Each structure stands twice: as C-alpha cells, then as structure tokens.
Amino acid sequence: MAHRGYILLGLLLALALFLALPALVAWFRKHPERGLIYKLAPLAVFSFLLWLVLVAWAWTGKRNDAVLSRYVAKLRENKRLPLVIALLVVLGVAGSLLTLLR
C-alpha cells in the first residue's frame, strides 16, 4: 500500500518537472521573455501544443526574430494578452474534453 503512495508522488513530481521544463530552459538560457514563459508554463497543463510552443520559445532565446514575440508585444500594447491566454486555455480544455468524450 505504501508503494502506491510513492508511485503517485513520483508521477506527480515527474508531471511537475515536465510542465516546468519551458520555464527551466528559459531560466538557464537567460531568455529575455522568461517572466512571461514562467507565467504561461502552468497553463500548459491544459494544452500540450502550448507546452511545445513554450519549449520552442524558451529554447530560441531570441526576442525579435520570432513571430510569437512580436505578437505578444502587440497584445501587450493593446492590453489583450490576458484575453488571448484565457482563450488558449479554454480551447485547450475544450479539445481535451472532446477527446475524452469520444
């Protein structure tokens, strides 16, 4: 019975490390947008696609060359970034629910 607790704890720790990977990569590579990557990483639990985008973005370490960076900057200027993040989360949850309900 105690082994199940250790297995569950190990799985939760592995999931936490997996979800924290974009933030860890951004931190080690001193990414200029690492603060935003830190904030978006927990939301990746709802969308694997978001997680992949965050890992790629954290790995590049460049700010001006990526379309995503320019898009995020434009959303910040228009103060629409929270709305877009909420929309991504809703789409991720909806996609997960559709997959589970089929």
PDB file of N, CA and C in Angstrom:
ATOM      1  N   MET A   1       0.822  -1.193   0.000  1.00  0.00           N
ATOM      2  CA  MET A   1       0.000   0.000   0.000  1.00  0.00           C
ATOM      3  C   MET A   1       0.867   1.259   0.000  1.00  0.00           C
ATOM      4  N   ALA A   2       1.969   1.232   0.713  1.00  0.00           N
ATOM      5  CA  ALA A   2       2.853   2.394   0.779  1.00  0.00           C
ATOM      6  C   ALA A   2       3.530   2.633  -0.555  1.00  0.00           C
ATOM      7  N   HIS A   3       3.705   1.559  -1.333  1.00  0.00           N
ATOM      8  CA  HIS A   3       4.343   1.703  -2.643  1.00  0.00           C
ATOM      9  C   HIS A   3       3.480   2.537  -3.586  1.00  0.00           C
ATOM     10  N   ARG A   4       2.169   2.417  -3.469  1.00  0.00           N
ATOM     11  CA  ARG A   4       1.276   3.218  -4.317  1.00  0.00           C
ATOM     12  C   ARG A   4       1.449   4.708  -4.041  1.00  0.00           C
ATOM     13  N   GLY A   5       1.625   5.048  -2.795  1.00  0.00           N
ATOM     14  CA  GLY A   5       1.843   6.447  -2.431  1.00  0.00           C
ATOM     15  C   GLY A   5       3.131   6.993  -3.035  1.00  0.00           C
ATOM     16  N   TYR A   6       4.179   6.178  -3.000  1.00  0.00           N
ATOM     17  CA  TYR A   6       5.449   6.597  -3.596  1.00  0.00           C
ATOM     18  C   TYR A   6       5.342   6.720  -5.110  1.00  0.00           C
ATOM     19  N   ILE A   7       4.623   5.791  -5.717  1.00  0.00           N
ATOM     20  CA  ILE A   7       4.436   5.844  -7.170  1.00  0.00           C
ATOM     21  C   ILE A   7       3.643   7.086  -7.550  1.00  0.00           C
ATOM     22  N   LEU A   8       2.581   7.372  -6.811  1.00  0.00           N
ATOM     23  CA  LEU A   8       1.772   8.557  -7.088  1.00  0.00           C
ATOM     24  C   LEU A   8       2.586   9.821  -6.887  1.00  0.00           C
ATOM     25  N   LEU A   9       3.349   9.874  -5.828  1.00  0.00           N
ATOM     26  CA  LEU A   9       4.208  11.034  -5.579  1.00  0.00           C
ATOM     27  C   LEU A   9       5.236  11.197  -6.692  1.00  0.00           C
ATOM     28  N   GLY A  10       5.822  10.097  -7.137  1.00  0.00           N
ATOM     29  CA  GLY A  10       6.787  10.137  -8.227  1.00  0.00           C
ATOM     30  C   GLY A  10       6.163  10.619  -9.532  1.00  0.00           C
ATOM     31  N   LEU A  11       4.951  10.150  -9.827  1.00  0.00           N
ATOM     32  CA  LEU A  11       4.249  10.589 -11.040  1.00  0.00           C
ATOM     33  C   LEU A  11       3.904  12.075 -10.981  1.00  0.00           C
ATOM     34  N   LEU A  12       3.459  12.549  -9.830  1.00  0.00           N
ATOM     35  CA  LEU A  12       3.143  13.975  -9.686  1.00  0.00           C
ATOM     36  C   LEU A  12       4.399  14.825  -9.812  1.00  0.00           C
ATOM     37  N   LEU A  13       5.502  14.361  -9.243  1.00  0.00           N
ATOM     38  CA  LEU A  13       6.766  15.084  -9.363  1.00  0.00           C
ATOM     39  C   LEU A  13       7.244  15.108 -10.812  1.00  0.00           C
ATOM     40  N   ALA A  14       7.107  13.987 -11.519  1.00  0.00           N
ATOM     41  CA  ALA A  14       7.503  13.927 -12.925  1.00  0.00           C
ATOM     42  C   ALA A  14       6.638  14.866 -13.767  1.00  0.00           C
ATOM     43  N   LEU A  15       5.332  14.921 -13.489  1.00  0.00           N
ATOM     44  CA  LEU A  15       4.440  15.837 -14.210  1.00  0.00           C
ATOM     45  C   LEU A  15       4.814  17.288 -13.941  1.00  0.00           C
ATOM     46  N   ALA A  16       5.131  17.597 -12.686  1.00  0.00           N
ATOM     47  CA  ALA A  16       5.521  18.968 -12.344  1.00  0.00           C
ATOM     48  C   ALA A  16       6.809  19.360 -13.061  1.00  0.00           C
ATOM     49  N   LEU A  17       7.784  18.463 -13.109  1.00  0.00           N
ATOM     50  CA  LEU A  17       9.036  18.751 -13.812  1.00  0.00           C
ATOM     51  C   LEU A  17       8.805  18.885 -15.310  1.00  0.00           C
ATOM     52  N   PHE A  18       7.941  18.047 -15.852  1.00  0.00           N
ATOM     53  CA  PHE A  18       7.612  18.110 -17.275  1.00  0.00           C
ATOM     54  C   PHE A  18       6.974  19.452 -17.622  1.00  0.00           C
ATOM     55  N   LEU A  19       6.036  19.900 -16.800  1.00  0.00           N
ATOM     56  CA  LEU A  19       5.365  21.176 -17.050  1.00  0.00           C
ATOM     57  C   LEU A  19       6.288  22.363 -16.801  1.00  0.00           C
ATOM     58  N   ALA A  20       7.269  22.196 -15.922  1.00  0.00           N
ATOM     59  CA  ALA A  20       8.187  23.285 -15.616  1.00  0.00           C
ATOM     60  C   ALA A  20       9.343  23.370 -16.598  1.00  0.00           C
ATOM     61  N   LEU A  21       9.445  22.422 -17.521  1.00  0.00           N
ATOM     62  CA  LEU A  21      10.572  22.404 -18.453  1.00  0.00           C
ATOM     63  C   LEU A  21      10.732  23.706 -19.239  1.00  0.00           C
ATOM     64  N   PRO A  22       9.668  24.291 -19.815  1.00  0.00           N
ATOM     65  CA  PRO A  22       9.868  25.557 -20.536  1.00  0.00           C
ATOM     66  C   PRO A  22      10.443  26.655 -19.639  1.00  0.00           C
ATOM     67  N   ALA A  23       9.959  26.752 -18.418  1.00  0.00           N
ATOM     68  CA  ALA A  23      10.449  27.780 -17.502  1.00  0.00           C
ATOM     69  C   ALA A  23      11.909  27.514 -17.116  1.00  0.00           C
ATOM     70  N   LEU A  24      12.260  26.254 -16.911  1.00  0.00           N
ATOM     71  CA  LEU A  24      13.644  25.922 -16.569  1.00  0.00           C
ATOM     72  C   LEU A  24      14.592  26.219 -17.728  1.00  0.00           C
ATOM     73  N   VAL A  25      14.186  25.881 -18.942  1.00  0.00           N
ATOM     74  CA  VAL A  25      15.020  26.174 -20.114  1.00  0.00           C
ATOM     75  C   VAL A  25      15.200  27.680 -20.256  1.00  0.00           C
ATOM     76  N   ALA A  26      14.111  28.433 -20.097  1.00  0.00           N
ATOM     77  CA  ALA A  26      14.183  29.893 -20.209  1.00  0.00           C
ATOM     78  C   ALA A  26      15.103  30.470 -19.132  1.00  0.00           C
ATOM     79  N   TRP A  27      15.031  29.932 -17.930  1.00  0.00           N
ATOM     80  CA  TRP A  27      15.857  30.436 -16.841  1.00  0.00           C
ATOM     81  C   TRP A  27      17.336  30.155 -17.097  1.00  0.00           C
ATOM     82  N   PHE A  28      17.661  28.913 -17.495  1.00  0.00           N
ATOM     83  CA  PHE A  28      19.055  28.561 -17.747  1.00  0.00           C
ATOM     84  C   PHE A  28      19.637  29.325 -18.926  1.00  0.00           C
ATOM     85  N   ARG A  29      18.829  29.586 -19.947  1.00  0.00           N
ATOM     86  CA  ARG A  29      19.324  30.271 -21.137  1.00  0.00           C
ATOM     87  C   ARG A  29      19.174  31.786 -21.036  1.00  0.00           C
ATOM     88  N   LYS A  30      18.681  32.281 -19.900  1.00  0.00           N
ATOM     89  CA  LYS A  30      18.515  33.725 -19.648  1.00  0.00           C
ATOM     90  C   LYS A  30      17.686  34.382 -20.757  1.00  0.00           C
ATOM     91  N   HIS A  31      16.547  33.760 -21.067  1.00  0.00           N
ATOM     92  CA  HIS A  31      15.662  34.251 -22.116  1.00  0.00           C
ATOM     93  C   HIS A  31      15.118  35.624 -21.737  1.00  0.00           C
ATOM     94  N   PRO A  32      15.062  36.572 -22.684  1.00  0.00           N
ATOM     95  CA  PRO A  32      14.572  37.923 -22.355  1.00  0.00           C
ATOM     96  C   PRO A  32      13.094  37.953 -21.959  1.00  0.00           C
ATOM     97  N   GLU A  33      12.317  36.981 -22.365  1.00  0.00           N
ATOM     98  CA  GLU A  33      10.886  36.928 -22.017  1.00  0.00           C
ATOM     99  C   GLU A  33      10.593  35.816 -21.014  1.00  0.00           C
ATOM    100  N   ARG A  34      11.576  35.476 -20.175  1.00  0.00           N
ATOM    101  CA  ARG A  34      11.379  34.352 -19.265  1.00  0.00           C
ATOM    102  C   ARG A  34      10.259  34.602 -18.260  1.00  0.00           C
ATOM    103  N   GLY A  35      10.005  35.839 -17.898  1.00  0.00           N
ATOM    104  CA  GLY A  35       8.906  36.129 -16.975  1.00  0.00           C
ATOM    105  C   GLY A  35       7.568  35.698 -17.542  1.00  0.00           C
ATOM    106  N   LEU A  36       7.350  35.979 -18.813  1.00  0.00           N
ATOM    107  CA  LEU A  36       6.105  35.574 -19.459  1.00  0.00           C
ATOM    108  C   LEU A  36       6.045  34.059 -19.615  1.00  0.00           C
ATOM    109  N   ILE A  37       7.173  33.434 -19.908  1.00  0.00           N
ATOM    110  CA  ILE A  37       7.210  31.974 -20.028  1.00  0.00           C
ATOM    111  C   ILE A  37       6.890  31.332 -18.675  1.00  0.00           C
ATOM    112  N   TYR A  38       7.402  31.915 -17.581  1.00  0.00           N
ATOM    113  CA  TYR A  38       7.089  31.408 -16.237  1.00  0.00           C
ATOM    114  C   TYR A  38       5.578  31.449 -15.992  1.00  0.00           C
ATOM    115  N   LYS A  39       4.948  32.534 -16.420  1.00  0.00           N
ATOM    116  CA  LYS A  39       3.514  32.690 -16.171  1.00  0.00           C
ATOM    117  C   LYS A  39       2.671  31.759 -17.034  1.00  0.00           C
ATOM    118  N   LEU A  40       3.121  31.483 -18.246  1.00  0.00           N
ATOM    119  CA  LEU A  40       2.348  30.641 -19.155  1.00  0.00           C
ATOM    120  C   LEU A  40       2.554  29.149 -18.913  1.00  0.00           C
ATOM    121  N   ALA A  41       3.679  28.768 -18.339  1.00  0.00           N
ATOM    122  CA  ALA A  41       4.000  27.353 -18.163  1.00  0.00           C
ATOM    123  C   ALA A  41       2.935  26.575 -17.379  1.00  0.00           C
ATOM    124  N   PRO A  42       2.390  27.069 -16.277  1.00  0.00           N
ATOM    125  CA  PRO A  42       1.359  26.289 -15.574  1.00  0.00           C
ATOM    126  C   PRO A  42       0.089  26.077 -16.409  1.00  0.00           C
ATOM    127  N   LEU A  43      -0.183  26.987 -17.332  1.00  0.00           N
ATOM    128  CA  LEU A  43      -1.364  26.824 -18.178  1.00  0.00           C
ATOM    129  C   LEU A  43      -1.190  25.708 -19.194  1.00  0.00           C
ATOM    130  N   ALA A  44       0.048  25.282 -19.412  1.00  0.00           N
ATOM    131  CA  ALA A  44       0.316  24.239 -20.390  1.00  0.00           C
ATOM    132  C   ALA A  44      -0.276  22.898 -19.981  1.00  0.00           C
ATOM    133  N   VAL A  45      -0.700  22.766 -18.728  1.00  0.00           N
ATOM    134  CA  VAL A  45      -1.347  21.532 -18.298  1.00  0.00           C
ATOM    135  C   VAL A  45      -2.628  21.293 -19.107  1.00  0.00           C
ATOM    136  N   PHE A  46      -3.208  22.339 -19.648  1.00  0.00           N
ATOM    137  CA  PHE A  46      -4.435  22.222 -20.425  1.00  0.00           C
ATOM    138  C   PHE A  46      -4.180  21.986 -21.908  1.00  0.00           C
ATOM    139  N   SER A  47      -2.977  22.213 -22.380  1.00  0.00           N
ATOM    140  CA  SER A  47      -2.715  22.112 -23.810  1.00  0.00           C
ATOM    141  C   SER A  47      -1.273  21.696 -24.062  1.00  0.00           C
ATOM    142  N   PHE A  48      -1.099  20.531 -24.666  1.00  0.00           N
ATOM    143  CA  PHE A  48       0.245  20.064 -24.999  1.00  0.00           C
ATOM    144  C   PHE A  48       0.855  20.933 -26.088  1.00  0.00           C
ATOM    145  N   LEU A  49       0.015  21.455 -26.977  1.00  0.00           N
ATOM    146  CA  LEU A  49       0.506  22.340 -28.026  1.00  0.00           C
ATOM    147  C   LEU A  49       1.115  23.603 -27.418  1.00  0.00           C
ATOM    148  N   LEU A  50       0.462  24.174 -26.415  1.00  0.00           N
ATOM    149  CA  LEU A  50       1.012  25.333 -25.727  1.00  0.00           C
ATOM    150  C   LEU A  50       2.356  24.980 -25.092  1.00  0.00           C
ATOM    151  N   TRP A  51       2.463  23.795 -24.514  1.00  0.00           N
ATOM    152  CA  TRP A  51       3.709  23.364 -23.905  1.00  0.00           C
ATOM    153  C   TRP A  51       4.815  23.300 -24.949  1.00  0.00           C
ATOM    154  N   LEU A  52       4.529  22.735 -26.117  1.00  0.00           N
ATOM    155  CA  LEU A  52       5.526  22.650 -27.182  1.00  0.00           C
ATOM    156  C   LEU A  52       5.971  24.036 -27.644  1.00  0.00           C
ATOM    157  N   VAL A  53       5.016  24.951 -27.793  1.00  0.00           N
ATOM    158  CA  VAL A  53       5.347  26.321 -28.200  1.00  0.00           C
ATOM    159  C   VAL A  53       6.234  26.981 -27.148  1.00  0.00           C
ATOM    160  N   LEU A  54       5.925  26.795 -25.882  1.00  0.00           N
ATOM    161  CA  LEU A  54       6.730  27.394 -24.817  1.00  0.00           C
ATOM    162  C   LEU A  54       8.149  26.835 -24.796  1.00  0.00           C
ATOM    163  N   VAL A  55       8.294  25.533 -25.007  1.00  0.00           N
ATOM    164  CA  VAL A  55       9.642  24.949 -25.034  1.00  0.00           C
ATOM    165  C   VAL A  55      10.431  25.527 -26.201  1.00  0.00           C
ATOM    166  N   ALA A  56       9.806  25.593 -27.376  1.00  0.00           N
ATOM    167  CA  ALA A  56      10.497  26.143 -28.544  1.00  0.00           C
ATOM    168  C   ALA A  56      10.867  27.605 -28.319  1.00  0.00           C
ATOM    169  N   TRP A  57       9.953  28.357 -27.743  1.00  0.00           N
ATOM    170  CA  TRP A  57      10.197  29.783 -27.500  1.00  0.00           C
ATOM    171  C   TRP A  57      11.312  29.964 -26.469  1.00  0.00           C
ATOM    172  N   ALA A  58      11.291  29.153 -25.408  1.00  0.00           N
ATOM    173  CA  ALA A  58      12.327  29.249 -24.381  1.00  0.00           C
ATOM    174  C   ALA A  58      13.689  28.848 -24.946  1.00  0.00           C
ATOM    175  N   TRP A  59      13.701  27.897 -25.847  1.00  0.00           N
ATOM    176  CA  TRP A  59      14.965  27.409 -26.391  1.00  0.00           C
ATOM    177  C   TRP A  59      15.629  28.416 -27.318  1.00  0.00           C
ATOM    178  N   THR A  60      14.840  29.166 -28.090  1.00  0.00           N
ATOM    179  CA  THR A  60      15.436  30.082 -29.060  1.00  0.00           C
ATOM    180  C   THR A  60      16.199  31.195 -28.371  1.00  0.00           C
ATOM    181  N   GLY A  61      15.670  31.736 -27.298  1.00  0.00           N
ATOM    182  CA  GLY A  61      16.359  32.791 -26.567  1.00  0.00           C
ATOM    183  C   GLY A  61      16.391  34.118 -27.294  1.00  0.00           C
ATOM    184  N   LYS A  62      15.700  34.211 -28.394  1.00  0.00           N
ATOM    185  CA  LYS A  62      15.707  35.440 -29.170  1.00  0.00           C
ATOM    186  C   LYS A  62      14.376  36.145 -28.999  1.00  0.00           C
ATOM    187  N   ARG A  63      14.437  37.452 -29.011  1.00  0.00           N
ATOM    188  CA  ARG A  63      13.233  38.213 -28.750  1.00  0.00           C
ATOM    189  C   ARG A  63      12.607  38.778 -30.021  1.00  0.00           C
ATOM    190  N   ASN A  64      13.392  39.252 -30.936  1.00  0.00           N
ATOM    191  CA  ASN A  64      12.856  39.997 -32.070  1.00  0.00           C
ATOM    192  C   ASN A  64      12.610  39.164 -33.315  1.00  0.00           C
ATOM    193  N   ASP A  65      13.152  37.976 -33.391  1.00  0.00           N
ATOM    194  CA  ASP A  65      13.028  37.240 -34.637  1.00  0.00           C
ATOM    195  C   ASP A  65      11.770  36.387 -34.708  1.00  0.00           C
ATOM    196  N   ALA A  66      11.177  36.065 -33.584  1.00  0.00           N
ATOM    197  CA  ALA A  66      10.038  35.154 -33.585  1.00  0.00           C
ATOM    198  C   ALA A  66       8.734  35.909 -33.791  1.00  0.00           C
ATOM    199  N   VAL A  67       7.889  35.315 -34.567  1.00  0.00           N
ATOM    200  CA  VAL A  67       6.562  35.882 -34.791  1.00  0.00           C
ATOM    201  C   VAL A  67       5.808  35.944 -33.468  1.00  0.00           C
ATOM    202  N   LEU A  68       5.996  34.928 -32.642  1.00  0.00           N
ATOM    203  CA  LEU A  68       5.310  34.883 -31.353  1.00  0.00           C
ATOM    204  C   LEU A  68       5.696  36.066 -30.473  1.00  0.00           C
ATOM    205  N   SER A  69       6.964  36.430 -30.464  1.00  0.00           N
ATOM    206  CA  SER A  69       7.408  37.563 -29.649  1.00  0.00           C
ATOM    207  C   SER A  69       6.759  38.869 -30.116  1.00  0.00           C
ATOM    208  N   ARG A  70       6.708  39.049 -31.412  1.00  0.00           N
ATOM    209  CA  ARG A  70       6.080  40.271 -31.929  1.00  0.00           C
ATOM    210  C   ARG A  70       4.584  40.279 -31.637  1.00  0.00           C
ATOM    211  N   TYR A  71       3.964  39.119 -31.738  1.00  0.00           N
ATOM    212  CA  TYR A  71       2.534  39.007 -31.468  1.00  0.00           C
ATOM    213  C   TYR A  71       2.240  39.302 -29.997  1.00  0.00           C
ATOM    214  N   VAL A  72       3.069  38.768 -29.101  1.00  0.00           N
ATOM    215  CA  VAL A  72       2.884  39.006 -27.667  1.00  0.00           C
ATOM    216  C   VAL A  72       3.090  40.490 -27.358  1.00  0.00           C
ATOM    217  N   ALA A  73       4.092  41.105 -27.979  1.00  0.00           N
ATOM    218  CA  ALA A  73       4.323  42.536 -27.753  1.00  0.00           C
ATOM    219  C   ALA A  73       3.130  43.363 -28.211  1.00  0.00           C
ATOM    220  N   LYS A  74       2.566  42.999 -29.350  1.00  0.00           N
ATOM    221  CA  LYS A  74       1.394  43.733 -29.851  1.00  0.00           C
ATOM    222  C   LYS A  74       0.190  43.538 -28.930  1.00  0.00           C
ATOM    223  N   LEU A  75       0.024  42.309 -28.421  1.00  0.00           N
ATOM    224  CA  LEU A  75      -1.077  42.048 -27.493  1.00  0.00           C
ATOM    225  C   LEU A  75      -0.894  42.818 -26.184  1.00  0.00           C
ATOM    226  N   ARG A  76       0.350  42.940 -25.741  1.00  0.00           N
ATOM    227  CA  ARG A  76       0.611  43.722 -24.528  1.00  0.00           C
ATOM    228  C   ARG A  76       0.258  45.184 -24.737  1.00  0.00           C
ATOM    229  N   GLU A  77       0.623  45.722 -25.896  1.00  0.00           N
ATOM    230  CA  GLU A  77       0.315  47.126 -26.181  1.00  0.00           C
ATOM    231  C   GLU A  77      -1.192  47.368 -26.181  1.00  0.00           C
ATOM    232  N   ASN A  78      -1.936  46.432 -26.758  1.00  0.00           N
ATOM    233  CA  ASN A  78      -3.393  46.564 -26.840  1.00  0.00           C
ATOM    234  C   ASN A  78      -4.100  46.082 -25.575  1.00  0.00           C
ATOM    235  N   LYS A  79      -3.324  45.600 -24.607  1.00  0.00           N
ATOM    236  CA  LYS A  79      -3.854  45.092 -23.335  1.00  0.00           C
ATOM    237  C   LYS A  79      -4.841  43.942 -23.551  1.00  0.00           C
ATOM    238  N   ARG A  80      -4.536  43.083 -24.527  1.00  0.00           N
ATOM    239  CA  ARG A  80      -5.395  41.939 -24.825  1.00  0.00           C
ATOM    240  C   ARG A  80      -4.725  40.610 -24.471  1.00  0.00           C
ATOM    241  N   LEU A  81      -3.542  40.645 -23.912  1.00  0.00           N
ATOM    242  CA  LEU A  81      -2.819  39.416 -23.616  1.00  0.00           C
ATOM    243  C   LEU A  81      -3.600  38.495 -22.665  1.00  0.00           C
ATOM    244  N   PRO A  82      -4.189  38.988 -21.568  1.00  0.00           N
ATOM    245  CA  PRO A  82      -4.956  38.084 -20.699  1.00  0.00           C
ATOM    246  C   PRO A  82      -6.137  37.428 -21.417  1.00  0.00           C
ATOM    247  N   LEU A  83      -6.779  38.163 -22.309  1.00  0.00           N
ATOM    248  CA  LEU A  83      -7.907  37.602 -23.057  1.00  0.00           C
ATOM    249  C   LEU A  83      -7.444  36.467 -23.969  1.00  0.00           C
ATOM    250  N   VAL A  84      -6.338  36.661 -24.646  1.00  0.00           N
ATOM    251  CA  VAL A  84      -5.822  35.628 -25.550  1.00  0.00           C
ATOM    252  C   VAL A  84      -5.365  34.405 -24.759  1.00  0.00           C
ATOM    253  N   ILE A  85      -4.736  34.620 -23.609  1.00  0.00           N
ATOM    254  CA  ILE A  85      -4.312  33.492 -22.773  1.00  0.00           C
ATOM    255  C   ILE A  85      -5.531  32.717 -22.294  1.00  0.00           C
ATOM    256  N   ALA A  86      -6.570  33.419 -21.869  1.00  0.00           N
ATOM    257  CA  ALA A  86      -7.798  32.749 -21.438  1.00  0.00           C
ATOM    258  C   ALA A  86      -8.407  31.953 -22.588  1.00  0.00           C
ATOM    259  N   LEU A  87      -8.394  32.508 -23.784  1.00  0.00           N
ATOM    260  CA  LEU A  87      -8.927  31.817 -24.954  1.00  0.00           C
ATOM    261  C   LEU A  87      -8.129  30.548 -25.244  1.00  0.00           C
ATOM    262  N   LEU A  88      -6.798  30.623 -25.141  1.00  0.00           N
ATOM    263  CA  LEU A  88      -5.976  29.432 -25.347  1.00  0.00           C
ATOM    264  C   LEU A  88      -6.282  28.346 -24.322  1.00  0.00           C
ATOM    265  N   VAL A  89      -6.493  28.755 -23.086  1.00  0.00           N
ATOM    266  CA  VAL A  89      -6.817  27.786 -22.040  1.00  0.00           C
ATOM    267  C   VAL A  89      -8.167  27.142 -22.320  1.00  0.00           C
ATOM    268  N   VAL A  90      -9.162  27.947 -22.689  1.00  0.00           N
ATOM    269  CA  VAL A  90     -10.498  27.419 -22.986  1.00  0.00           C
ATOM    270  C   VAL A  90     -10.434  26.451 -24.167  1.00  0.00           C
ATOM    271  N   LEU A  91      -9.686  26.813 -25.208  1.00  0.00           N
ATOM    272  CA  LEU A  91      -9.558  25.921 -26.362  1.00  0.00           C
ATOM    273  C   LEU A  91      -8.840  24.622 -25.989  1.00  0.00           C
ATOM    274  N   GLY A  92      -7.827  24.723 -25.141  1.00  0.00           N
ATOM    275  CA  GLY A  92      -7.134  23.526 -24.697  1.00  0.00           C
ATOM    276  C   GLY A  92      -8.027  22.610 -23.889  1.00  0.00           C
ATOM    277  N   VAL A  93      -8.815  23.180 -22.981  1.00  0.00           N
ATOM    278  CA  VAL A  93      -9.739  22.385 -22.177  1.00  0.00           C
ATOM    279  C   VAL A  93     -10.813  21.772 -23.074  1.00  0.00           C
ATOM    280  N   ALA A  94     -11.346  22.560 -23.998  1.00  0.00           N
ATOM    281  CA  ALA A  94     -12.385  22.052 -24.901  1.00  0.00           C
ATOM    282  C   ALA A  94     -11.843  20.910 -25.763  1.00  0.00           C
ATOM    283  N   GLY A  95     -10.616  21.046 -26.261  1.00  0.00           N
ATOM    284  CA  GLY A  95     -10.023  19.981 -27.053  1.00  0.00           C
ATOM    285  C   GLY A  95      -9.816  18.721 -26.230  1.00  0.00           C
ATOM    286  N   SER A  96      -9.393  18.890 -24.993  1.00  0.00           N
ATOM    287  CA  SER A  96      -9.212  17.739 -24.115  1.00  0.00           C
ATOM    288  C   SER A  96     -10.538  17.057 -23.822  1.00  0.00           C
ATOM    289  N   LEU A  97     -11.569  17.868 -23.568  1.00  0.00           N
ATOM    290  CA  LEU A  97     -12.893  17.296 -23.278  1.00  0.00           C
ATOM    291  C   LEU A  97     -13.451  16.563 -24.484  1.00  0.00           C
ATOM    292  N   LEU A  98     -13.288  17.126 -25.670  1.00  0.00           N
ATOM    293  CA  LEU A  98     -13.765  16.460 -26.877  1.00  0.00           C
ATOM    294  C   LEU A  98     -13.066  15.113 -27.072  1.00  0.00           C
ATOM    295  N   THR A  99     -11.791  15.076 -26.790  1.00  0.00           N
ATOM    296  CA  THR A  99     -11.041  13.833 -26.921  1.00  0.00           C
ATOM    297  C   THR A  99     -11.534  12.809 -25.904  1.00  0.00           C
ATOM    298  N   LEU A 100     -11.786  13.237 -24.691  1.00  0.00           N
ATOM    299  CA  LEU A 100     -12.219  12.320 -23.642  1.00  0.00           C
ATOM    300  C   LEU A 100     -13.653  11.818 -23.854  1.00  0.00           C
ATOM    301  N   LEU A 101     -14.499  12.655 -24.429  1.00  0.00           N
ATOM    302  CA  LEU A 101     -15.904  12.295 -24.592  1.00  0.00           C
ATOM    303  C   LEU A 101     -16.164  11.410 -25.810  1.00  0.00           C
ATOM    304  N   ARG A 102     -15.225  11.281 -26.696  1.00  0.00           N
ATOM    305  CA  ARG A 102     -15.438  10.448 -27.886  1.00  0.00           C
ATOM    306  C   ARG A 102     -15.296   9.001 -27.588  1.00  0.00           C
TER     307      ARG A 102
END
